Amino acid sequence: MKSFSLIGRACMGGALLAASAGAEAAVTLYGRVDTDIEYQRGPRGNAAQMVDNASRWGMRGNEDLGGSLRADFGLEQGFQADNGTATNPQFRNAYVGLSGVFGAFALGRLDSATSVGSPVYSQITQNVDFVIHDAGATAIGTKVLNARNRVSNALGYVTPEFGGFSLRARINLAGPDPATPNANSPVKAEDDFRQYDAGLNYASGSFSAGLGYSRDAKTGGLVANDFATRSRPRQRTTSRSSTSMACTAATATTARPARAPTCATGWPASRSRTGRTA
């Protein structure tokens, strides 16, 4: 626990230095306002509404610390452009990190737009093209369907690229569990619910592919919508799901568990811009 604290202080110090170093720091301010008016026709009548599509603004930057070492930081806030309210949570990502010849690591609230990416979700955005706008295909549904992109209390790492291969790995502490908000829940501390994700990626010319792995470990057992194959009350259980060639096979805990694979290859016709995040 102490080592994590020291890492956090070192990264925060680097980020604050980057923010105040003036010309030496590279800081980018970015954002988008994406909203539309939708008209729907159905058997129960017609309806028109204005809808926001993942509007956000943020800043990211880095500072050269010397010796091939760089401090990274970022902060991104989401909002509803149609009514002006903030998303919940307000910040889509908030992180500090270090990068160098060893790759990059970051800690905080992480998603695919950070310096370390998202192990499974980044594979989807690399190999699958979204329909209509990039907030649709994976921004809704269960935690299994959206590939667990945006997580808090997380530590992520990405390797340098070796012959077209790279690896992303991440662990996050997801407790206390909002699915069981009661005084008797066995998930009382952050580390009572741990989530692990890893993604091996390959890209060569116009071809790309990925192999991913996710695992949950929760005190008291897993519940529906976890990455689960079974639930054992009052025990720490684990679960696994995998992706192969950008094919995801995830199993949710239900009365009768079933697999529902979703597949896509990485040829140009099915590629989207890398790093897009809903």
C-alpha atoms as a PDB file:
ATOM      1  CA  MET A   1       0.000   0.000   0.000  1.00  0.00           C
ATOM      2  CA  LYS A   2       2.883   2.338   0.780  1.00  0.00           C
ATOM      3  CA  SER A   3       4.457   1.795  -2.631  1.00  0.00           C
ATOM      4  CA  PHE A   4       1.241   2.879  -4.366  1.00  0.00           C
ATOM      5  CA  SER A   5       1.197   6.035  -2.270  1.00  0.00           C
ATOM      6  CA  LEU A   6       4.764   6.868  -3.237  1.00  0.00           C
ATOM      7  CA  ILE A   7       4.016   6.304  -6.920  1.00  0.00           C
ATOM      8  CA  GLY A   8       0.975   8.549  -6.669  1.00  0.00           C
ATOM      9  CA  ARG A   9       2.967  11.352  -5.052  1.00  0.00           C
ATOM     10  CA  ALA A  10       5.740  11.089  -7.642  1.00  0.00           C
ATOM     11  CA  CYS A  11       3.264  11.170 -10.528  1.00  0.00           C
ATOM     12  CA  MET A  12       1.266  14.028  -9.032  1.00  0.00           C
ATOM     13  CA  GLY A  13       4.453  15.998  -8.535  1.00  0.00           C
ATOM     14  CA  GLY A  14       5.363  15.440 -12.160  1.00  0.00           C
ATOM     15  CA  ALA A  15       1.897  16.465 -13.316  1.00  0.00           C
ATOM     16  CA  LEU A  16       1.918  19.669 -11.256  1.00  0.00           C
ATOM     17  CA  LEU A  17       5.337  20.485 -12.626  1.00  0.00           C
ATOM     18  CA  ALA A  18       4.032  19.949 -16.149  1.00  0.00           C
ATOM     19  CA  ALA A  19       1.076  22.226 -15.524  1.00  0.00           C
ATOM     20  CA  SER A  20       3.257  25.075 -14.233  1.00  0.00           C
ATOM     21  CA  ALA A  21       6.338  24.767 -16.400  1.00  0.00           C
ATOM     22  CA  GLY A  22       5.081  27.091 -19.130  1.00  0.00           C
ATOM     23  CA  ALA A  23       6.868  26.607 -22.424  1.00  0.00           C
ATOM     24  CA  GLU A  24       8.528  23.372 -21.284  1.00  0.00           C
ATOM     25  CA  ALA A  25       5.218  21.581 -20.758  1.00  0.00           C
ATOM     26  CA  ALA A  26       3.103  20.280 -23.636  1.00  0.00           C
ATOM     27  CA  VAL A  27      -0.551  20.844 -22.689  1.00  0.00           C
ATOM     28  CA  THR A  28      -3.465  20.243 -25.047  1.00  0.00           C
ATOM     29  CA  LEU A  29      -6.965  21.601 -24.448  1.00  0.00           C
ATOM     30  CA  TYR A  30      -9.614  19.700 -26.405  1.00  0.00           C
ATOM     31  CA  GLY A  31     -13.301  18.915 -26.467  1.00  0.00           C
ATOM     32  CA  ARG A  32     -16.423  18.421 -28.509  1.00  0.00           C
ATOM     33  CA  VAL A  33     -20.090  19.371 -28.409  1.00  0.00           C
ATOM     34  CA  ASP A  34     -22.149  16.665 -30.108  1.00  0.00           C
ATOM     35  CA  THR A  35     -25.920  16.883 -30.036  1.00  0.00           C
ATOM     36  CA  ASP A  36     -28.734  16.216 -32.468  1.00  0.00           C
ATOM     37  CA  ILE A  37     -32.489  16.290 -32.864  1.00  0.00           C
ATOM     38  CA  GLU A  38     -33.941  12.833 -33.365  1.00  0.00           C
ATOM     39  CA  TYR A  39     -37.350  12.030 -34.806  1.00  0.00           C
ATOM     40  CA  GLN A  40     -38.764   8.586 -34.187  1.00  0.00           C
ATOM     41  CA  ARG A  41     -41.804   6.866 -35.640  1.00  0.00           C
ATOM     42  CA  GLY A  42     -43.339   3.788 -34.073  1.00  0.00           C
ATOM     43  CA  PRO A  43     -46.539   1.827 -33.576  1.00  0.00           C
ATOM     44  CA  ARG A  44     -47.434   3.992 -30.566  1.00  0.00           C
ATOM     45  CA  GLY A  45     -46.925   7.282 -32.347  1.00  0.00           C
ATOM     46  CA  ASN A  46     -44.165   9.726 -33.241  1.00  0.00           C
ATOM     47  CA  ALA A  47     -41.711  11.549 -30.999  1.00  0.00           C
ATOM     48  CA  ALA A  48     -38.982  14.154 -31.379  1.00  0.00           C
ATOM     49  CA  GLN A  49     -36.213  14.837 -28.884  1.00  0.00           C
ATOM     50  CA  MET A  50     -32.852  16.528 -28.577  1.00  0.00           C
ATOM     51  CA  VAL A  51     -30.097  14.116 -27.517  1.00  0.00           C
ATOM     52  CA  ASP A  52     -26.506  14.620 -26.413  1.00  0.00           C
ATOM     53  CA  ASN A  53     -23.874  12.223 -27.798  1.00  0.00           C
ATOM     54  CA  ALA A  54     -21.055  12.114 -25.238  1.00  0.00           C
ATOM     55  CA  SER A  55     -20.020  15.780 -25.282  1.00  0.00           C
ATOM     56  CA  ARG A  56     -16.862  16.480 -23.311  1.00  0.00           C
ATOM     57  CA  TRP A  57     -13.935  18.817 -22.752  1.00  0.00           C
ATOM     58  CA  GLY A  58     -10.558  18.111 -21.230  1.00  0.00           C
ATOM     59  CA  MET A  59      -6.856  18.736 -21.067  1.00  0.00           C
ATOM     60  CA  ARG A  60      -3.895  16.419 -21.281  1.00  0.00           C
ATOM     61  CA  GLY A  61      -0.206  17.113 -21.095  1.00  0.00           C
ATOM     62  CA  ASN A  62       3.271  15.861 -20.398  1.00  0.00           C
ATOM     63  CA  GLU A  63       6.601  17.148 -19.130  1.00  0.00           C
ATOM     64  CA  ASP A  64      10.061  15.921 -20.063  1.00  0.00           C
ATOM     65  CA  LEU A  65      11.807  14.902 -16.847  1.00  0.00           C
ATOM     66  CA  GLY A  66      15.072  13.961 -18.536  1.00  0.00           C
ATOM     67  CA  GLY A  67      16.671  10.574 -18.981  1.00  0.00           C
ATOM     68  CA  SER A  68      13.920   9.456 -21.400  1.00  0.00           C
ATOM     69  CA  LEU A  69      11.371   9.847 -18.594  1.00  0.00           C
ATOM     70  CA  ARG A  70       8.173  11.860 -18.998  1.00  0.00           C
ATOM     71  CA  ALA A  71       5.361  12.825 -16.622  1.00  0.00           C
ATOM     72  CA  ASP A  72       1.833  12.522 -18.050  1.00  0.00           C
ATOM     73  CA  PHE A  73      -1.496  13.849 -16.788  1.00  0.00           C
ATOM     74  CA  GLY A  74      -5.041  14.326 -18.004  1.00  0.00           C
ATOM     75  CA  LEU A  75      -8.488  15.452 -16.926  1.00  0.00           C
ATOM     76  CA  GLU A  76     -11.668  15.038 -18.993  1.00  0.00           C
ATOM     77  CA  GLN A  77     -15.158  16.160 -17.987  1.00  0.00           C
ATOM     78  CA  GLY A  78     -18.388  15.001 -19.598  1.00  0.00           C
ATOM     79  CA  PHE A  79     -21.559  17.081 -19.899  1.00  0.00           C
ATOM     80  CA  GLN A  80     -24.964  17.012 -21.551  1.00  0.00           C
ATOM     81  CA  ALA A  81     -24.967  19.664 -24.266  1.00  0.00           C
ATOM     82  CA  ASP A  82     -28.764  19.580 -24.584  1.00  0.00           C
ATOM     83  CA  ASN A  83     -29.416  20.671 -20.977  1.00  0.00           C
ATOM     84  CA  GLY A  84     -26.041  21.738 -19.556  1.00  0.00           C
ATOM     85  CA  THR A  85     -25.831  19.190 -16.760  1.00  0.00           C
ATOM     86  CA  ALA A  86     -22.672  17.268 -15.896  1.00  0.00           C
ATOM     87  CA  THR A  87     -22.395  13.527 -16.314  1.00  0.00           C
ATOM     88  CA  ASN A  88     -22.234  11.282 -13.265  1.00  0.00           C
ATOM     89  CA  PRO A  89     -19.407  10.908 -12.406  1.00  0.00           C
ATOM     90  CA  GLN A  90     -18.428  14.301 -13.797  1.00  0.00           C
ATOM     91  CA  PHE A  91     -14.971  13.262 -14.930  1.00  0.00           C
ATOM     92  CA  ARG A  92     -14.612  10.625 -17.595  1.00  0.00           C
ATOM     93  CA  ASN A  93     -10.922  10.302 -16.750  1.00  0.00           C
ATOM     94  CA  ALA A  94      -8.543  11.866 -14.245  1.00  0.00           C
ATOM     95  CA  TYR A  95      -5.020  10.465 -14.096  1.00  0.00           C
ATOM     96  CA  VAL A  96      -1.303  10.996 -13.602  1.00  0.00           C
ATOM     97  CA  GLY A  97       1.452   8.741 -14.867  1.00  0.00           C
ATOM     98  CA  LEU A  98       4.985   8.203 -16.116  1.00  0.00           C
ATOM     99  CA  SER A  99       6.222   7.031 -19.509  1.00  0.00           C
ATOM    100  CA  GLY A 100       9.594   6.125 -20.988  1.00  0.00           C
ATOM    101  CA  VAL A 101      11.472   3.353 -22.753  1.00  0.00           C
ATOM    102  CA  PHE A 102       9.672   0.866 -20.467  1.00  0.00           C
ATOM    103  CA  GLY A 103       6.269   1.917 -21.818  1.00  0.00           C
ATOM    104  CA  ALA A 104       3.780   3.897 -19.757  1.00  0.00           C
ATOM    105  CA  PHE A 105       1.757   3.507 -16.593  1.00  0.00           C
ATOM    106  CA  ALA A 106      -0.973   5.689 -15.096  1.00  0.00           C
ATOM    107  CA  LEU A 107      -3.198   5.696 -12.052  1.00  0.00           C
ATOM    108  CA  GLY A 108      -6.524   7.317 -11.233  1.00  0.00           C
ATOM    109  CA  ARG A 109      -9.769   7.111 -13.190  1.00  0.00           C
ATOM    110  CA  LEU A 110      -8.746   5.519 -16.486  1.00  0.00           C
ATOM    111  CA  ASP A 111     -10.327   4.922 -19.892  1.00  0.00           C
ATOM    112  CA  SER A 112      -9.246   4.443 -23.508  1.00  0.00           C
ATOM    113  CA  ALA A 113      -8.328   8.133 -23.918  1.00  0.00           C
ATOM    114  CA  THR A 114      -5.545   7.987 -21.301  1.00  0.00           C
ATOM    115  CA  SER A 115      -1.867   7.351 -21.949  1.00  0.00           C
ATOM    116  CA  VAL A 116      -2.269   3.615 -21.212  1.00  0.00           C
ATOM    117  CA  GLY A 117      -5.544   3.001 -23.039  1.00  0.00           C
ATOM    118  CA  SER A 118      -8.159   0.437 -22.034  1.00  0.00           C
ATOM    119  CA  PRO A 119      -7.090  -3.226 -22.400  1.00  0.00           C
ATOM    120  CA  VAL A 120     -10.284  -4.623 -23.970  1.00  0.00           C
ATOM    121  CA  TYR A 121     -12.238  -1.539 -25.073  1.00  0.00           C
ATOM    122  CA  SER A 122      -9.277  -0.161 -27.047  1.00  0.00           C
ATOM    123  CA  GLN A 123      -9.299  -3.401 -29.055  1.00  0.00           C
ATOM    124  CA  ILE A 124     -12.937  -2.802 -29.950  1.00  0.00           C
ATOM    125  CA  THR A 125     -12.372   0.790 -31.107  1.00  0.00           C
ATOM    126  CA  GLN A 126      -9.404  -0.367 -33.186  1.00  0.00           C
ATOM    127  CA  ASN A 127     -11.277  -3.124 -34.996  1.00  0.00           C
ATOM    128  CA  VAL A 128     -14.960  -2.156 -35.031  1.00  0.00           C
ATOM    129  CA  ASP A 129     -16.623   0.768 -36.801  1.00  0.00           C
ATOM    130  CA  PHE A 130     -19.414   2.495 -34.877  1.00  0.00           C
ATOM    131  CA  VAL A 131     -22.770   3.240 -36.477  1.00  0.00           C
ATOM    132  CA  ILE A 132     -24.159   6.816 -36.572  1.00  0.00           C
ATOM    133  CA  HIS A 133     -21.823   8.194 -33.910  1.00  0.00           C
ATOM    134  CA  ASP A 134     -19.143   6.836 -31.599  1.00  0.00           C
ATOM    135  CA  ALA A 135     -21.342   6.972 -28.485  1.00  0.00           C
ATOM    136  CA  GLY A 136     -23.675   4.244 -29.626  1.00  0.00           C
ATOM    137  CA  ALA A 137     -22.293   0.772 -30.147  1.00  0.00           C
ATOM    138  CA  THR A 138     -20.596   0.109 -26.806  1.00  0.00           C
ATOM    139  CA  ALA A 139     -21.623   3.015 -24.586  1.00  0.00           C
ATOM    140  CA  ILE A 140     -24.787   1.239 -23.445  1.00  0.00           C
ATOM    141  CA  GLY A 141     -25.638  -2.173 -22.047  1.00  0.00           C
ATOM    142  CA  THR A 142     -23.964  -4.263 -19.402  1.00  0.00           C
ATOM    143  CA  LYS A 143     -20.409  -4.075 -18.084  1.00  0.00           C
ATOM    144  CA  VAL A 144     -19.667  -7.121 -20.215  1.00  0.00           C
ATOM    145  CA  LEU A 145     -20.959  -5.515 -23.409  1.00  0.00           C
ATOM    146  CA  ASN A 146     -19.134  -2.213 -22.973  1.00  0.00           C
ATOM    147  CA  ALA A 147     -15.822  -3.980 -22.273  1.00  0.00           C
ATOM    148  CA  ARG A 148     -15.320  -2.169 -18.954  1.00  0.00           C
ATOM    149  CA  ASN A 149     -13.752   0.904 -20.471  1.00  0.00           C
ATOM    150  CA  ARG A 150     -14.010   3.547 -17.754  1.00  0.00           C
ATOM    151  CA  VAL A 151     -12.949   2.511 -14.230  1.00  0.00           C
ATOM    152  CA  SER A 152     -11.872   4.298 -11.044  1.00  0.00           C
ATOM    153  CA  ASN A 153      -9.121   3.524  -8.510  1.00  0.00           C
ATOM    154  CA  ALA A 154      -7.134   1.975 -11.335  1.00  0.00           C
ATOM    155  CA  LEU A 155      -3.504   1.299 -12.205  1.00  0.00           C
ATOM    156  CA  GLY A 156      -2.799   0.711 -15.906  1.00  0.00           C
ATOM    157  CA  TYR A 157       0.277  -0.177 -17.958  1.00  0.00           C
ATOM    158  CA  VAL A 158       1.100  -0.427 -21.664  1.00  0.00           C
ATOM    159  CA  THR A 159       4.309  -1.844 -23.132  1.00  0.00           C
ATOM    160  CA  PRO A 160       6.286  -0.396 -26.026  1.00  0.00           C
ATOM    161  CA  GLU A 161       5.585  -2.012 -29.403  1.00  0.00           C
ATOM    162  CA  PHE A 162       7.704  -5.052 -30.288  1.00  0.00           C
ATOM    163  CA  GLY A 163       7.414  -6.271 -33.871  1.00  0.00           C
ATOM    164  CA  GLY A 164       3.808  -5.101 -34.093  1.00  0.00           C
ATOM    165  CA  PHE A 165       2.853  -6.560 -30.689  1.00  0.00           C
ATOM    166  CA  SER A 166       1.928  -4.571 -27.591  1.00  0.00           C
ATOM    167  CA  LEU A 167       0.315  -5.426 -24.277  1.00  0.00           C
ATOM    168  CA  ARG A 168      -2.059  -3.453 -22.046  1.00  0.00           C
ATOM    169  CA  ALA A 169      -2.826  -4.470 -18.464  1.00  0.00           C
ATOM    170  CA  ARG A 170      -4.954  -2.879 -15.750  1.00  0.00           C
ATOM    171  CA  ILE A 171      -6.206  -3.538 -12.234  1.00  0.00           C
ATOM    172  CA  ASN A 172      -8.852  -1.487 -10.464  1.00  0.00           C
ATOM    173  CA  LEU A 173     -10.481  -1.577  -7.058  1.00  0.00           C
ATOM    174  CA  ALA A 174     -14.261  -1.447  -7.559  1.00  0.00           C
ATOM    175  CA  GLY A 175     -15.593  -1.662  -3.998  1.00  0.00           C
ATOM    176  CA  PRO A 176     -17.728  -0.834  -2.115  1.00  0.00           C
ATOM    177  CA  ASP A 177     -20.120  -2.599  -4.467  1.00  0.00           C
ATOM    178  CA  PRO A 178     -23.006  -0.336  -5.638  1.00  0.00           C
ATOM    179  CA  ALA A 179     -24.946  -3.432  -6.695  1.00  0.00           C
ATOM    180  CA  THR A 180     -25.404  -4.434  -3.038  1.00  0.00           C
ATOM    181  CA  PRO A 181     -25.644  -1.134  -1.098  1.00  0.00           C
ATOM    182  CA  ASN A 182     -26.521  -2.467   2.332  1.00  0.00           C
ATOM    183  CA  ALA A 183     -24.839  -2.674   5.703  1.00  0.00           C
ATOM    184  CA  ASN A 184     -24.543  -6.462   5.500  1.00  0.00           C
ATOM    185  CA  SER A 185     -22.713  -6.510   2.166  1.00  0.00           C
ATOM    186  CA  PRO A 186     -19.335  -8.303   2.383  1.00  0.00           C
ATOM    187  CA  VAL A 187     -17.913  -5.759  -0.076  1.00  0.00           C
ATOM    188  CA  LYS A 188     -17.028  -2.965   2.345  1.00  0.00           C
ATOM    189  CA  ALA A 189     -13.590  -1.783   1.195  1.00  0.00           C
ATOM    190  CA  GLU A 190     -12.225  -0.854  -2.235  1.00  0.00           C
ATOM    191  CA  ASP A 191     -10.072  -3.983  -2.453  1.00  0.00           C
ATOM    192  CA  ASP A 192     -12.984  -6.288  -1.604  1.00  0.00           C
ATOM    193  CA  PHE A 193     -13.838  -6.093  -5.320  1.00  0.00           C
ATOM    194  CA  ARG A 194     -10.898  -6.326  -7.739  1.00  0.00           C
ATOM    195  CA  GLN A 195     -11.106  -6.265 -11.512  1.00  0.00           C
ATOM    196  CA  TYR A 196      -8.270  -7.352 -13.816  1.00  0.00           C
ATOM    197  CA  ASP A 197      -8.019  -6.719 -17.569  1.00  0.00           C
ATOM    198  CA  ALA A 198      -5.302  -7.510 -20.113  1.00  0.00           C
ATOM    199  CA  GLY A 199      -5.151  -7.106 -23.874  1.00  0.00           C
ATOM    200  CA  LEU A 200      -2.524  -8.383 -26.323  1.00  0.00           C
ATOM    201  CA  ASN A 201      -2.606  -6.441 -29.600  1.00  0.00           C
ATOM    202  CA  TYR A 202      -1.039  -6.947 -33.012  1.00  0.00           C
ATOM    203  CA  ALA A 203      -0.972  -4.589 -35.993  1.00  0.00           C
ATOM    204  CA  SER A 204       0.804  -4.953 -39.333  1.00  0.00           C
ATOM    205  CA  GLY A 205      -0.069  -2.699 -42.234  1.00  0.00           C
ATOM    206  CA  SER A 206      -3.820  -2.859 -42.824  1.00  0.00           C
ATOM    207  CA  PHE A 207      -4.378  -5.828 -40.488  1.00  0.00           C
ATOM    208  CA  SER A 208      -4.904  -5.733 -36.738  1.00  0.00           C
ATOM    209  CA  ALA A 209      -6.108  -8.226 -34.154  1.00  0.00           C
ATOM    210  CA  GLY A 210      -6.373  -8.603 -30.389  1.00  0.00           C
ATOM    211  CA  LEU A 211      -6.577 -11.191 -27.638  1.00  0.00           C
ATOM    212  CA  GLY A 212      -8.064 -10.048 -24.328  1.00  0.00           C
ATOM    213  CA  TYR A 213      -8.668 -11.413 -20.837  1.00  0.00           C
ATOM    214  CA  SER A 214     -10.797 -10.128 -17.945  1.00  0.00           C
ATOM    215  CA  ARG A 215     -11.243 -11.434 -14.424  1.00  0.00           C
ATOM    216  CA  ASP A 216     -13.262 -10.358 -11.377  1.00  0.00           C
ATOM    217  CA  ALA A 217     -12.620 -11.244  -7.749  1.00  0.00           C
ATOM    218  CA  LYS A 218     -15.205 -10.196  -5.176  1.00  0.00           C
ATOM    219  CA  THR A 219     -15.555 -10.953  -1.492  1.00  0.00           C
ATOM    220  CA  GLY A 220     -18.891 -12.686  -1.015  1.00  0.00           C
ATOM    221  CA  GLY A 221     -19.177 -13.902  -4.601  1.00  0.00           C
ATOM    222  CA  LEU A 222     -20.119 -12.440  -7.943  1.00  0.00           C
ATOM    223  CA  VAL A 223     -23.517 -11.148  -9.028  1.00  0.00           C
ATOM    224  CA  ALA A 224     -25.346 -10.720 -12.331  1.00  0.00           C
ATOM    225  CA  ASN A 225     -23.506  -8.490 -14.823  1.00  0.00           C
ATOM    226  CA  ASP A 226     -20.062  -9.261 -13.405  1.00  0.00           C
ATOM    227  CA  PHE A 227     -17.519 -11.065 -15.581  1.00  0.00           C
ATOM    228  CA  ALA A 228     -18.726 -14.340 -14.097  1.00  0.00           C
ATOM    229  CA  THR A 229     -19.254 -17.981 -14.765  1.00  0.00           C
ATOM    230  CA  ARG A 230     -20.799 -18.744 -11.374  1.00  0.00           C
ATOM    231  CA  SER A 231     -21.502 -17.183  -7.992  1.00  0.00           C
ATOM    232  CA  ARG A 232     -20.576 -18.648  -4.624  1.00  0.00           C
ATOM    233  CA  PRO A 233     -21.995 -16.666  -1.686  1.00  0.00           C
ATOM    234  CA  ARG A 234     -19.610 -15.877   1.153  1.00  0.00           C
ATOM    235  CA  GLN A 235     -16.543 -16.867  -0.811  1.00  0.00           C
ATOM    236  CA  ARG A 236     -14.044 -15.011  -2.946  1.00  0.00           C
ATOM    237  CA  THR A 237     -14.696 -16.213  -6.467  1.00  0.00           C
ATOM    238  CA  THR A 238     -13.174 -15.372  -9.807  1.00  0.00           C
ATOM    239  CA  SER A 239     -14.375 -15.303 -13.375  1.00  0.00           C
ATOM    240  CA  ARG A 240     -12.906 -15.148 -16.833  1.00  0.00           C
ATOM    241  CA  SER A 241     -13.873 -13.860 -20.252  1.00  0.00           C
ATOM    242  CA  SER A 242     -11.743 -13.700 -23.367  1.00  0.00           C
ATOM    243  CA  THR A 243     -11.486 -12.123 -26.775  1.00  0.00           C
ATOM    244  CA  SER A 244      -9.739 -13.661 -29.756  1.00  0.00           C
ATOM    245  CA  MET A 245      -9.143 -11.844 -33.041  1.00  0.00           C
ATOM    246  CA  ALA A 246     -11.363  -9.101 -31.582  1.00  0.00           C
ATOM    247  CA  CYS A 247     -14.034 -11.732 -30.857  1.00  0.00           C
ATOM    248  CA  THR A 248     -15.522 -11.278 -27.378  1.00  0.00           C
ATOM    249  CA  ALA A 249     -17.099 -14.140 -25.453  1.00  0.00           C
ATOM    250  CA  ALA A 250     -18.384 -12.947 -22.091  1.00  0.00           C
ATOM    251  CA  THR A 251     -20.570 -14.832 -19.650  1.00  0.00           C
ATOM    252  CA  ALA A 252     -22.809 -13.042 -17.178  1.00  0.00           C
ATOM    253  CA  THR A 253     -24.175 -14.653 -14.038  1.00  0.00           C
ATOM    254  CA  THR A 254     -27.814 -15.556 -14.666  1.00  0.00           C
ATOM    255  CA  ALA A 255     -30.072 -18.456 -13.797  1.00  0.00           C
ATOM    256  CA  ARG A 256     -28.800 -20.231 -16.918  1.00  0.00           C
ATOM    257  CA  PRO A 257     -25.378 -18.816 -17.937  1.00  0.00           C
ATOM    258  CA  ALA A 258     -24.950 -18.478 -21.689  1.00  0.00           C
ATOM    259  CA  ARG A 259     -22.189 -17.243 -23.980  1.00  0.00           C
ATOM    260  CA  ALA A 260     -22.855 -14.540 -26.542  1.00  0.00           C
ATOM    261  CA  PRO A 261     -19.868 -13.978 -28.824  1.00  0.00           C
ATOM    262  CA  THR A 262     -19.410 -10.807 -30.848  1.00  0.00           C
ATOM    263  CA  CYS A 263     -16.762 -10.841 -33.572  1.00  0.00           C
ATOM    264  CA  ALA A 264     -15.004  -8.401 -35.866  1.00  0.00           C
ATOM    265  CA  THR A 265     -11.756  -8.465 -37.781  1.00  0.00           C
ATOM    266  CA  GLY A 266      -9.353  -5.597 -38.248  1.00  0.00           C
ATOM    267  CA  TRP A 267      -9.441  -5.027 -42.008  1.00  0.00           C
ATOM    268  CA  PRO A 268      -9.748  -1.408 -43.205  1.00  0.00           C
ATOM    269  CA  ALA A 269     -13.469  -1.691 -43.957  1.00  0.00           C
ATOM    270  CA  SER A 270     -14.208  -2.328 -40.252  1.00  0.00           C
ATOM    271  CA  ARG A 271     -11.691  -0.030 -38.603  1.00  0.00           C
ATOM    272  CA  SER A 272     -12.455   3.143 -36.696  1.00  0.00           C
ATOM    273  CA  ARG A 273     -10.155   5.818 -35.401  1.00  0.00           C
ATOM    274  CA  THR A 274      -7.973   4.385 -32.648  1.00  0.00           C
ATOM    275  CA  GLY A 275      -8.639   5.766 -29.194  1.00  0.00           C
ATOM    276  CA  ARG A 276     -12.238   6.834 -29.730  1.00  0.00           C
ATOM    277  CA  THR A 277     -14.058   6.709 -26.464  1.00  0.00           C
ATOM    278  CA  ALA A 278     -17.746   6.890 -25.715  1.00  0.00           C
END
